[in-house]
Amino acid sequence: MTVRVWHMTVKPRHRPWTDNGGSSVSTLERLDVVWTSRSAALVAEIIPCINQTWEGLDSQWGEEKALDTCRISIYVTDKNQAAVPSLKRELRNMSLADCVHF
């Protein structure tokens, strides 16, 4: 939900990265999203939405500017020996796979 609210706030229509002769009308600070979850199943349920939002931002602004604006870190502390490998398999094709730490 936080990423959705943030995305709506800084939607690319605001064009915060335009250069108007050295001064910008709108400047953004970086958003650091840090999520720690004990449940790999919960992360598996929510990360597709977060990843979709990230890919939209990445496609509009480019990877470099997207990373300058938002950093996402997800820590999974689930001890379930079956759930963690399942989540890792799901992450393989996602842009945010490197943002998830176990």
PDB file of N, CA and C in Angstrom:
ATOM      1  N   MET A   1       0.820  -1.186   0.000  1.00  0.00           N
ATOM      2  CA  MET A   1       0.000   0.000   0.000  1.00  0.00           C
ATOM      3  C   MET A   1       0.867   1.253   0.000  1.00  0.00           C
ATOM      4  N   THR A   2       1.967   1.211   0.741  1.00  0.00           N
ATOM      5  CA  THR A   2       2.858   2.362   0.796  1.00  0.00           C
ATOM      6  C   THR A   2       3.417   2.685  -0.583  1.00  0.00           C
ATOM      7  N   VAL A   3       3.828   1.661  -1.314  1.00  0.00           N
ATOM      8  CA  VAL A   3       4.379   1.878  -2.647  1.00  0.00           C
ATOM      9  C   VAL A   3       3.314   2.449  -3.572  1.00  0.00           C
ATOM     10  N   ARG A   4       2.080   1.963  -3.474  1.00  0.00           N
ATOM     11  CA  ARG A   4       1.007   2.498  -4.311  1.00  0.00           C
ATOM     12  C   ARG A   4       0.768   3.978  -4.030  1.00  0.00           C
ATOM     13  N   VAL A   5       0.692   4.341  -2.757  1.00  0.00           N
ATOM     14  CA  VAL A   5       0.478   5.751  -2.394  1.00  0.00           C
ATOM     15  C   VAL A   5       1.631   6.591  -2.904  1.00  0.00           C
ATOM     16  N   TRP A   6       2.840   6.120  -2.702  1.00  0.00           N
ATOM     17  CA  TRP A   6       4.010   6.855  -3.160  1.00  0.00           C
ATOM     18  C   TRP A   6       3.984   6.997  -4.677  1.00  0.00           C
ATOM     19  N   HIS A   7       3.641   5.920  -5.379  1.00  0.00           N
ATOM     20  CA  HIS A   7       3.607   5.956  -6.839  1.00  0.00           C
ATOM     21  C   HIS A   7       2.584   6.972  -7.331  1.00  0.00           C
ATOM     22  N   MET A   8       1.437   7.029  -6.707  1.00  0.00           N
ATOM     23  CA  MET A   8       0.422   7.999  -7.108  1.00  0.00           C
ATOM     24  C   MET A   8       0.890   9.439  -6.825  1.00  0.00           C
ATOM     25  N   THR A   9       1.670   9.606  -5.778  1.00  0.00           N
ATOM     26  CA  THR A   9       2.161  10.932  -5.413  1.00  0.00           C
ATOM     27  C   THR A   9       3.192  11.442  -6.408  1.00  0.00           C
ATOM     28  N   VAL A  10       4.088  10.585  -6.840  1.00  0.00           N
ATOM     29  CA  VAL A  10       5.185  11.006  -7.715  1.00  0.00           C
ATOM     30  C   VAL A  10       5.036  10.458  -9.126  1.00  0.00           C
ATOM     31  N   LYS A  11       3.817  10.226  -9.541  1.00  0.00           N
ATOM     32  CA  LYS A  11       3.559   9.701 -10.879  1.00  0.00           C
ATOM     33  C   LYS A  11       4.394  10.462 -11.905  1.00  0.00           C
ATOM     34  N   PRO A  12       4.842   9.790 -12.938  1.00  0.00           N
ATOM     35  CA  PRO A  12       5.702  10.440 -13.936  1.00  0.00           C
ATOM     36  C   PRO A  12       5.142  11.726 -14.532  1.00  0.00           C
ATOM     37  N   ARG A  13       3.845  11.974 -14.422  1.00  0.00           N
ATOM     38  CA  ARG A  13       3.285  13.218 -14.941  1.00  0.00           C
ATOM     39  C   ARG A  13       3.863  14.442 -14.232  1.00  0.00           C
ATOM     40  N   HIS A  14       4.413  14.257 -13.036  1.00  0.00           N
ATOM     41  CA  HIS A  14       5.010  15.363 -12.291  1.00  0.00           C
ATOM     42  C   HIS A  14       6.365  15.771 -12.860  1.00  0.00           C
ATOM     43  N   ARG A  15       6.976  14.880 -13.593  1.00  0.00           N
ATOM     44  CA  ARG A  15       8.269  15.120 -14.242  1.00  0.00           C
ATOM     45  C   ARG A  15       9.299  15.802 -13.318  1.00  0.00           C
ATOM     46  N   PRO A  16       9.628  15.158 -12.203  1.00  0.00           N
ATOM     47  CA  PRO A  16      10.563  15.766 -11.273  1.00  0.00           C
ATOM     48  C   PRO A  16      12.007  15.768 -11.759  1.00  0.00           C
ATOM     49  N   TRP A  17      12.296  15.061 -12.852  1.00  0.00           N
ATOM     50  CA  TRP A  17      13.677  14.949 -13.273  1.00  0.00           C
ATOM     51  C   TRP A  17      14.015  15.882 -14.426  1.00  0.00           C
ATOM     52  N   THR A  18      13.116  16.792 -14.767  1.00  0.00           N
ATOM     53  CA  THR A  18      13.427  17.728 -15.849  1.00  0.00           C
ATOM     54  C   THR A  18      14.389  18.798 -15.344  1.00  0.00           C
ATOM     55  N   ASP A  19      15.226  19.238 -16.229  1.00  0.00           N
ATOM     56  CA  ASP A  19      16.213  20.249 -15.869  1.00  0.00           C
ATOM     57  C   ASP A  19      15.804  21.570 -16.514  1.00  0.00           C
ATOM     58  N   ASN A  20      15.498  22.540 -15.695  1.00  0.00           N
ATOM     59  CA  ASN A  20      15.114  23.861 -16.192  1.00  0.00           C
ATOM     60  C   ASN A  20      16.266  24.842 -15.986  1.00  0.00           C
ATOM     61  N   GLY A  21      17.346  24.618 -16.702  1.00  0.00           N
ATOM     62  CA  GLY A  21      18.489  25.507 -16.573  1.00  0.00           C
ATOM     63  C   GLY A  21      19.160  25.414 -15.214  1.00  0.00           C
ATOM     64  N   GLY A  22      19.201  24.227 -14.657  1.00  0.00           N
ATOM     65  CA  GLY A  22      19.883  24.040 -13.379  1.00  0.00           C
ATOM     66  C   GLY A  22      18.959  24.083 -12.181  1.00  0.00           C
ATOM     67  N   SER A  23      17.745  24.577 -12.348  1.00  0.00           N
ATOM     68  CA  SER A  23      16.828  24.576 -11.201  1.00  0.00           C
ATOM     69  C   SER A  23      15.602  23.756 -11.550  1.00  0.00           C
ATOM     70  N   SER A  24      15.184  22.968 -10.631  1.00  0.00           N
ATOM     71  CA  SER A  24      14.034  22.112 -10.844  1.00  0.00           C
ATOM     72  C   SER A  24      12.867  22.628 -10.027  1.00  0.00           C
ATOM     73  N   VAL A  25      11.712  22.643 -10.617  1.00  0.00           N
ATOM     74  CA  VAL A  25      10.516  23.108  -9.921  1.00  0.00           C
ATOM     75  C   VAL A  25      10.159  22.135  -8.805  1.00  0.00           C
ATOM     76  N   SER A  26      10.341  20.872  -9.064  1.00  0.00           N
ATOM     77  CA  SER A  26       9.957  19.840  -8.113  1.00  0.00           C
ATOM     78  C   SER A  26      11.145  18.923  -7.865  1.00  0.00           C
ATOM     79  N   THR A  27      11.459  18.673  -6.626  1.00  0.00           N
ATOM     80  CA  THR A  27      12.532  17.750  -6.313  1.00  0.00           C
ATOM     81  C   THR A  27      11.985  16.649  -5.425  1.00  0.00           C
ATOM     82  N   LEU A  28      12.504  15.472  -5.618  1.00  0.00           N
ATOM     83  CA  LEU A  28      12.081  14.326  -4.831  1.00  0.00           C
ATOM     84  C   LEU A  28      13.241  13.808  -4.017  1.00  0.00           C
ATOM     85  N   GLU A  29      12.937  13.364  -2.835  1.00  0.00           N
ATOM     86  CA  GLU A  29      13.925  12.660  -2.052  1.00  0.00           C
ATOM     87  C   GLU A  29      13.664  11.183  -2.232  1.00  0.00           C
ATOM     88  N   ARG A  30      14.627  10.394  -1.919  1.00  0.00           N
ATOM     89  CA  ARG A  30      14.505   8.955  -2.108  1.00  0.00           C
ATOM     90  C   ARG A  30      13.592   8.341  -1.057  1.00  0.00           C
ATOM     91  N   LEU A  31      12.812   7.372  -1.488  1.00  0.00           N
ATOM     92  CA  LEU A  31      11.979   6.601  -0.589  1.00  0.00           C
ATOM     93  C   LEU A  31      12.645   5.254  -0.374  1.00  0.00           C
ATOM     94  N   ASP A  32      12.939   4.927   0.865  1.00  0.00           N
ATOM     95  CA  ASP A  32      13.485   3.612   1.206  1.00  0.00           C
ATOM     96  C   ASP A  32      12.378   2.794   1.849  1.00  0.00           C
ATOM     97  N   VAL A  33      11.991   1.727   1.179  1.00  0.00           N
ATOM     98  CA  VAL A  33      10.981   0.827   1.711  1.00  0.00           C
ATOM     99  C   VAL A  33      11.708  -0.385   2.263  1.00  0.00           C
ATOM    100  N   VAL A  34      11.572  -0.606   3.563  1.00  0.00           N
ATOM    101  CA  VAL A  34      12.187  -1.755   4.216  1.00  0.00           C
ATOM    102  C   VAL A  34      11.058  -2.547   4.866  1.00  0.00           C
ATOM    103  N   TRP A  35      10.914  -3.796   4.431  1.00  0.00           N
ATOM    104  CA  TRP A  35       9.851  -4.643   4.941  1.00  0.00           C
ATOM    105  C   TRP A  35      10.472  -5.926   5.457  1.00  0.00           C
ATOM    106  N   THR A  36      10.174  -6.266   6.692  1.00  0.00           N
ATOM    107  CA  THR A  36      10.612  -7.519   7.283  1.00  0.00           C
ATOM    108  C   THR A  36       9.372  -8.349   7.566  1.00  0.00           C
ATOM    109  N   SER A  37       9.388  -9.588   7.096  1.00  0.00           N
ATOM    110  CA  SER A  37       8.236 -10.456   7.266  1.00  0.00           C
ATOM    111  C   SER A  37       8.684 -11.833   7.731  1.00  0.00           C
ATOM    112  N   ARG A  38       7.924 -12.393   8.646  1.00  0.00           N
ATOM    113  CA  ARG A  38       8.178 -13.768   9.085  1.00  0.00           C
ATOM    114  C   ARG A  38       7.535 -14.782   8.158  1.00  0.00           C
ATOM    115  N   SER A  39       6.738 -14.300   7.207  1.00  0.00           N
ATOM    116  CA  SER A  39       5.956 -15.194   6.358  1.00  0.00           C
ATOM    117  C   SER A  39       6.361 -15.084   4.892  1.00  0.00           C
ATOM    118  N   ALA A  40       6.982 -16.144   4.377  1.00  0.00           N
ATOM    119  CA  ALA A  40       7.323 -16.188   2.953  1.00  0.00           C
ATOM    120  C   ALA A  40       6.045 -16.213   2.121  1.00  0.00           C
ATOM    121  N   ALA A  41       4.999 -16.839   2.634  1.00  0.00           N
ATOM    122  CA  ALA A  41       3.723 -16.896   1.906  1.00  0.00           C
ATOM    123  C   ALA A  41       3.130 -15.493   1.744  1.00  0.00           C
ATOM    124  N   LEU A  42       3.224 -14.672   2.784  1.00  0.00           N
ATOM    125  CA  LEU A  42       2.715 -13.305   2.704  1.00  0.00           C
ATOM    126  C   LEU A  42       3.507 -12.502   1.675  1.00  0.00           C
ATOM    127  N   VAL A  43       4.807 -12.633   1.686  1.00  0.00           N
ATOM    128  CA  VAL A  43       5.647 -11.934   0.713  1.00  0.00           C
ATOM    129  C   VAL A  43       5.300 -12.405  -0.696  1.00  0.00           C
ATOM    130  N   ALA A  44       5.110 -13.711  -0.874  1.00  0.00           N
ATOM    131  CA  ALA A  44       4.756 -14.257  -2.180  1.00  0.00           C
ATOM    132  C   ALA A  44       3.423 -13.693  -2.674  1.00  0.00           C
ATOM    133  N   GLU A  45       2.528 -13.404  -1.760  1.00  0.00           N
ATOM    134  CA  GLU A  45       1.220 -12.872  -2.115  1.00  0.00           C
ATOM    135  C   GLU A  45       1.299 -11.404  -2.541  1.00  0.00           C
ATOM    136  N   ILE A  46       2.162 -10.642  -1.901  1.00  0.00           N
ATOM    137  CA  ILE A  46       2.188  -9.192  -2.108  1.00  0.00           C
ATOM    138  C   ILE A  46       3.250  -8.736  -3.106  1.00  0.00           C
ATOM    139  N   ILE A  47       4.339  -9.466  -3.224  1.00  0.00           N
ATOM    140  CA  ILE A  47       5.438  -8.984  -4.067  1.00  0.00           C
ATOM    141  C   ILE A  47       5.085  -8.844  -5.552  1.00  0.00           C
ATOM    142  N   PRO A  48       4.165  -9.623  -6.120  1.00  0.00           N
ATOM    143  CA  PRO A  48       3.820  -9.347  -7.520  1.00  0.00           C
ATOM    144  C   PRO A  48       3.273  -7.932  -7.734  1.00  0.00           C
ATOM    145  N   CYS A  49       2.500  -7.438  -6.799  1.00  0.00           N
ATOM    146  CA  CYS A  49       1.965  -6.075  -6.901  1.00  0.00           C
ATOM    147  C   CYS A  49       3.091  -5.042  -6.766  1.00  0.00           C
ATOM    148  N   ILE A  50       3.982  -5.254  -5.821  1.00  0.00           N
ATOM    149  CA  ILE A  50       5.113  -4.345  -5.632  1.00  0.00           C
ATOM    150  C   ILE A  50       6.004  -4.365  -6.880  1.00  0.00           C
ATOM    151  N   ASN A  51       6.249  -5.555  -7.402  1.00  0.00           N
ATOM    152  CA  ASN A  51       7.085  -5.696  -8.590  1.00  0.00           C
ATOM    153  C   ASN A  51       6.450  -5.013  -9.799  1.00  0.00           C
ATOM    154  N   GLN A  52       5.149  -5.145  -9.959  1.00  0.00           N
ATOM    155  CA  GLN A  52       4.452  -4.491 -11.064  1.00  0.00           C
ATOM    156  C   GLN A  52       4.569  -2.973 -10.958  1.00  0.00           C
ATOM    157  N   THR A  53       4.413  -2.446  -9.747  1.00  0.00           N
ATOM    158  CA  THR A  53       4.552  -1.014  -9.534  1.00  0.00           C
ATOM    159  C   THR A  53       5.977  -0.572  -9.858  1.00  0.00           C
ATOM    160  N   TRP A  54       6.947  -1.361  -9.407  1.00  0.00           N
ATOM    161  CA  TRP A  54       8.352  -1.045  -9.680  1.00  0.00           C
ATOM    162  C   TRP A  54       8.633  -1.040 -11.180  1.00  0.00           C
ATOM    163  N   GLU A  55       8.143  -2.043 -11.888  1.00  0.00           N
ATOM    164  CA  GLU A  55       8.391  -2.119 -13.327  1.00  0.00           C
ATOM    165  C   GLU A  55       7.763  -0.938 -14.069  1.00  0.00           C
ATOM    166  N   GLY A  56       6.602  -0.470 -13.592  1.00  0.00           N
ATOM    167  CA  GLY A  56       5.994   0.716 -14.187  1.00  0.00           C
ATOM    168  C   GLY A  56       6.860   1.944 -13.989  1.00  0.00           C
ATOM    169  N   LEU A  57       7.392   2.087 -12.792  1.00  0.00           N
ATOM    170  CA  LEU A  57       8.277   3.212 -12.493  1.00  0.00           C
ATOM    171  C   LEU A  57       9.552   3.117 -13.321  1.00  0.00           C
ATOM    172  N   ASP A  58      10.108   1.929 -13.389  1.00  0.00           N
ATOM    173  CA  ASP A  58      11.330   1.687 -14.145  1.00  0.00           C
ATOM    174  C   ASP A  58      11.128   2.006 -15.624  1.00  0.00           C
ATOM    175  N   SER A  59       9.997   1.600 -16.181  1.00  0.00           N
ATOM    176  CA  SER A  59       9.763   1.848 -17.609  1.00  0.00           C
ATOM    177  C   SER A  59       9.526   3.328 -17.903  1.00  0.00           C
ATOM    178  N   GLN A  60       8.956   4.063 -16.966  1.00  0.00           N
ATOM    179  CA  GLN A  60       8.699   5.492 -17.169  1.00  0.00           C
ATOM    180  C   GLN A  60       9.944   6.346 -16.966  1.00  0.00           C
ATOM    181  N   TRP A  61      10.703   6.047 -15.925  1.00  0.00           N
ATOM    182  CA  TRP A  61      11.838   6.893 -15.560  1.00  0.00           C
ATOM    183  C   TRP A  61      13.189   6.315 -15.947  1.00  0.00           C
ATOM    184  N   GLY A  62      13.259   5.026 -16.211  1.00  0.00           N
ATOM    185  CA  GLY A  62      14.536   4.358 -16.443  1.00  0.00           C
ATOM    186  C   GLY A  62      15.074   3.823 -15.126  1.00  0.00           C
ATOM    187  N   GLU A  63      15.864   2.765 -15.219  1.00  0.00           N
ATOM    188  CA  GLU A  63      16.333   2.077 -14.016  1.00  0.00           C
ATOM    189  C   GLU A  63      17.172   2.980 -13.103  1.00  0.00           C
ATOM    190  N   GLU A  64      18.077   3.742 -13.691  1.00  0.00           N
ATOM    191  CA  GLU A  64      18.968   4.581 -12.882  1.00  0.00           C
ATOM    192  C   GLU A  64      18.187   5.597 -12.048  1.00  0.00           C
ATOM    193  N   LYS A  65      17.270   6.303 -12.662  1.00  0.00           N
ATOM    194  CA  LYS A  65      16.497   7.311 -11.938  1.00  0.00           C
ATOM    195  C   LYS A  65      15.513   6.667 -10.964  1.00  0.00           C
ATOM    196  N   ALA A  66      14.974   5.509 -11.343  1.00  0.00           N
ATOM    197  CA  ALA A  66      14.074   4.798 -10.432  1.00  0.00           C
ATOM    198  C   ALA A  66      14.832   4.381  -9.169  1.00  0.00           C
ATOM    199  N   LEU A  67      16.049   3.886  -9.346  1.00  0.00           N
ATOM    200  CA  LEU A  67      16.854   3.483  -8.187  1.00  0.00           C
ATOM    201  C   LEU A  67      17.292   4.679  -7.349  1.00  0.00           C
ATOM    202  N   ASP A  68      17.501   5.825  -7.994  1.00  0.00           N
ATOM    203  CA  ASP A  68      17.842   7.031  -7.246  1.00  0.00           C
ATOM    204  C   ASP A  68      16.673   7.503  -6.392  1.00  0.00           C
ATOM    205  N   THR A  69      15.460   7.192  -6.828  1.00  0.00           N
ATOM    206  CA  THR A  69      14.259   7.675  -6.173  1.00  0.00           C
ATOM    207  C   THR A  69      13.699   6.703  -5.147  1.00  0.00           C
ATOM    208  N   CYS A  70      13.829   5.417  -5.405  1.00  0.00           N
ATOM    209  CA  CYS A  70      13.206   4.427  -4.530  1.00  0.00           C
ATOM    210  C   CYS A  70      14.099   3.208  -4.393  1.00  0.00           C
ATOM    211  N   ARG A  71      14.287   2.788  -3.172  1.00  0.00           N
ATOM    212  CA  ARG A  71      15.024   1.552  -2.904  1.00  0.00           C
ATOM    213  C   ARG A  71      14.138   0.664  -2.052  1.00  0.00           C
ATOM    214  N   ILE A  72      14.018  -0.572  -2.466  1.00  0.00           N
ATOM    215  CA  ILE A  72      13.160  -1.527  -1.780  1.00  0.00           C
ATOM    216  C   ILE A  72      14.020  -2.652  -1.242  1.00  0.00           C
ATOM    217  N   SER A  73      13.841  -2.961   0.037  1.00  0.00           N
ATOM    218  CA  SER A  73      14.517  -4.087   0.678  1.00  0.00           C
ATOM    219  C   SER A  73      13.471  -4.900   1.419  1.00  0.00           C
ATOM    220  N   ILE A  74      13.426  -6.185   1.124  1.00  0.00           N
ATOM    221  CA  ILE A  74      12.471  -7.077   1.773  1.00  0.00           C
ATOM    222  C   ILE A  74      13.268  -8.185   2.437  1.00  0.00           C
ATOM    223  N   TYR A  75      13.043  -8.347   3.733  1.00  0.00           N
ATOM    224  CA  TYR A  75      13.733  -9.370   4.505  1.00  0.00           C
ATOM    225  C   TYR A  75      12.722 -10.418   4.940  1.00  0.00           C
ATOM    226  N   VAL A  76      13.000 -11.676   4.579  1.00  0.00           N
ATOM    227  CA  VAL A  76      12.107 -12.781   4.912  1.00  0.00           C
ATOM    228  C   VAL A  76      12.800 -13.641   5.967  1.00  0.00           C
ATOM    229  N   THR A  77      12.156 -13.770   7.116  1.00  0.00           N
ATOM    230  CA  THR A  77      12.748 -14.529   8.220  1.00  0.00           C
ATOM    231  C   THR A  77      11.986 -15.821   8.505  1.00  0.00           C
ATOM    232  N   ASP A  78      11.196 -16.266   7.542  1.00  0.00           N
ATOM    233  CA  ASP A  78      10.399 -17.489   7.687  1.00  0.00           C
ATOM    234  C   ASP A  78      11.323 -18.693   7.867  1.00  0.00           C
ATOM    235  N   LYS A  79      11.019 -19.543   8.842  1.00  0.00           N
ATOM    236  CA  LYS A  79      11.826 -20.741   9.089  1.00  0.00           C
ATOM    237  C   LYS A  79      11.234 -21.979   8.434  1.00  0.00           C
ATOM    238  N   ASN A  80      10.122 -21.809   7.736  1.00  0.00           N
ATOM    239  CA  ASN A  80       9.473 -22.911   7.044  1.00  0.00           C
ATOM    240  C   ASN A  80      10.358 -23.355   5.880  1.00  0.00           C
ATOM    241  N   GLN A  81      10.852 -24.566   5.963  1.00  0.00           N
ATOM    242  CA  GLN A  81      11.808 -25.067   4.966  1.00  0.00           C
ATOM    243  C   GLN A  81      11.190 -25.283   3.585  1.00  0.00           C
ATOM    244  N   ALA A  82       9.871 -25.330   3.497  1.00  0.00           N
ATOM    245  CA  ALA A  82       9.214 -25.506   2.200  1.00  0.00           C
ATOM    246  C   ALA A  82       8.821 -24.158   1.578  1.00  0.00           C
ATOM    247  N   ALA A  83       8.450 -23.199   2.407  1.00  0.00           N
ATOM    248  CA  ALA A  83       7.949 -21.917   1.905  1.00  0.00           C
ATOM    249  C   ALA A  83       9.050 -21.047   1.302  1.00  0.00           C
ATOM    250  N   VAL A  84      10.211 -21.058   1.900  1.00  0.00           N
ATOM    251  CA  VAL A  84      11.301 -20.197   1.427  1.00  0.00           C
ATOM    252  C   VAL A  84      11.775 -20.597   0.020  1.00  0.00           C
ATOM    253  N   PRO A  85      12.066 -21.874  -0.235  1.00  0.00           N
ATOM    254  CA  PRO A  85      12.462 -22.230  -1.608  1.00  0.00           C
ATOM    255  C   PRO A  85      11.362 -21.951  -2.636  1.00  0.00           C
ATOM    256  N   SER A  86      10.121 -22.111  -2.224  1.00  0.00           N
ATOM    257  CA  SER A  86       9.007 -21.811  -3.118  1.00  0.00           C
ATOM    258  C   SER A  86       9.000 -20.329  -3.493  1.00  0.00           C
ATOM    259  N   LEU A  87       9.212 -19.455  -2.510  1.00  0.00           N
ATOM    260  CA  LEU A  87       9.283 -18.014  -2.775  1.00  0.00           C
ATOM    261  C   LEU A  87      10.471 -17.690  -3.669  1.00  0.00           C
ATOM    262  N   LYS A  88      11.598 -18.312  -3.422  1.00  0.00           N
ATOM    263  CA  LYS A  88      12.787 -18.070  -4.247  1.00  0.00           C
ATOM    264  C   LYS A  88      12.525 -18.431  -5.704  1.00  0.00           C
ATOM    265  N   ARG A  89      11.792 -19.517  -5.949  1.00  0.00           N
ATOM    266  CA  ARG A  89      11.445 -19.900  -7.325  1.00  0.00           C
ATOM    267  C   ARG A  89      10.544 -18.843  -7.970  1.00  0.00           C
ATOM    268  N   GLU A  90       9.594 -18.323  -7.218  1.00  0.00           N
ATOM    269  CA  GLU A  90       8.693 -17.299  -7.742  1.00  0.00           C
ATOM    270  C   GLU A  90       9.437 -16.008  -8.089  1.00  0.00           C
ATOM    271  N   LEU A  91      10.484 -15.707  -7.345  1.00  0.00           N
ATOM    272  CA  LEU A  91      11.226 -14.463  -7.537  1.00  0.00           C
ATOM    273  C   LEU A  91      12.128 -14.472  -8.762  1.00  0.00           C
ATOM    274  N   ARG A  92      12.427 -15.627  -9.280  1.00  0.00           N
ATOM    275  CA  ARG A  92      13.407 -15.735 -10.375  1.00  0.00           C
ATOM    276  C   ARG A  92      13.138 -14.800 -11.542  1.00  0.00           C
ATOM    277  N   ASN A  93      11.884 -14.604 -11.893  1.00  0.00           N
ATOM    278  CA  ASN A  93      11.550 -13.795 -13.075  1.00  0.00           C
ATOM    279  C   ASN A  93      11.111 -12.387 -12.725  1.00  0.00           C
ATOM    280  N   MET A  94      11.341 -11.956 -11.505  1.00  0.00           N
ATOM    281  CA  MET A  94      10.906 -10.624 -11.080  1.00  0.00           C
ATOM    282  C   MET A  94      12.073  -9.650 -11.042  1.00  0.00           C
ATOM    283  N   SER A  95      11.777  -8.415 -11.367  1.00  0.00           N
ATOM    284  CA  SER A  95      12.797  -7.354 -11.338  1.00  0.00           C
ATOM    285  C   SER A  95      13.353  -7.147  -9.939  1.00  0.00           C
ATOM    286  N   LEU A  96      12.520  -7.350  -8.931  1.00  0.00           N
ATOM    287  CA  LEU A  96      12.920  -7.086  -7.549  1.00  0.00           C
ATOM    288  C   LEU A  96      13.538  -8.302  -6.852  1.00  0.00           C
ATOM    289  N   ALA A  97      13.893  -9.327  -7.597  1.00  0.00           N
ATOM    290  CA  ALA A  97      14.442 -10.545  -6.979  1.00  0.00           C
ATOM    291  C   ALA A  97      15.656 -10.244  -6.093  1.00  0.00           C
ATOM    292  N   ASP A  98      16.501  -9.310  -6.512  1.00  0.00           N
ATOM    293  CA  ASP A  98      17.712  -8.986  -5.733  1.00  0.00           C
ATOM    294  C   ASP A  98      17.409  -8.162  -4.477  1.00  0.00           C
ATOM    295  N   CYS A  99      16.192  -7.677  -4.370  1.00  0.00           N
ATOM    296  CA  CYS A  99      15.808  -6.862  -3.210  1.00  0.00           C
ATOM    297  C   CYS A  99      15.306  -7.702  -2.044  1.00  0.00           C
ATOM    298  N   VAL A 100      15.098  -8.996  -2.307  1.00  0.00           N
ATOM    299  CA  VAL A 100      14.575  -9.885  -1.267  1.00  0.00           C
ATOM    300  C   VAL A 100      15.734 -10.654  -0.661  1.00  0.00           C
ATOM    301  N   HIS A 101      15.828 -10.567   0.662  1.00  0.00           N
ATOM    302  CA  HIS A 101      16.929 -11.190   1.397  1.00  0.00           C
ATOM    303  C   HIS A 101      16.363 -12.196   2.390  1.00  0.00           C
ATOM    304  N   PHE A 102      17.075 -13.293   2.554  1.00  0.00           N
ATOM    305  CA  PHE A 102      16.619 -14.345   3.459  1.00  0.00           C
ATOM    306  C   PHE A 102      17.606 -14.520   4.597  1.00  0.00           C
TER     307      PHE A 102
END
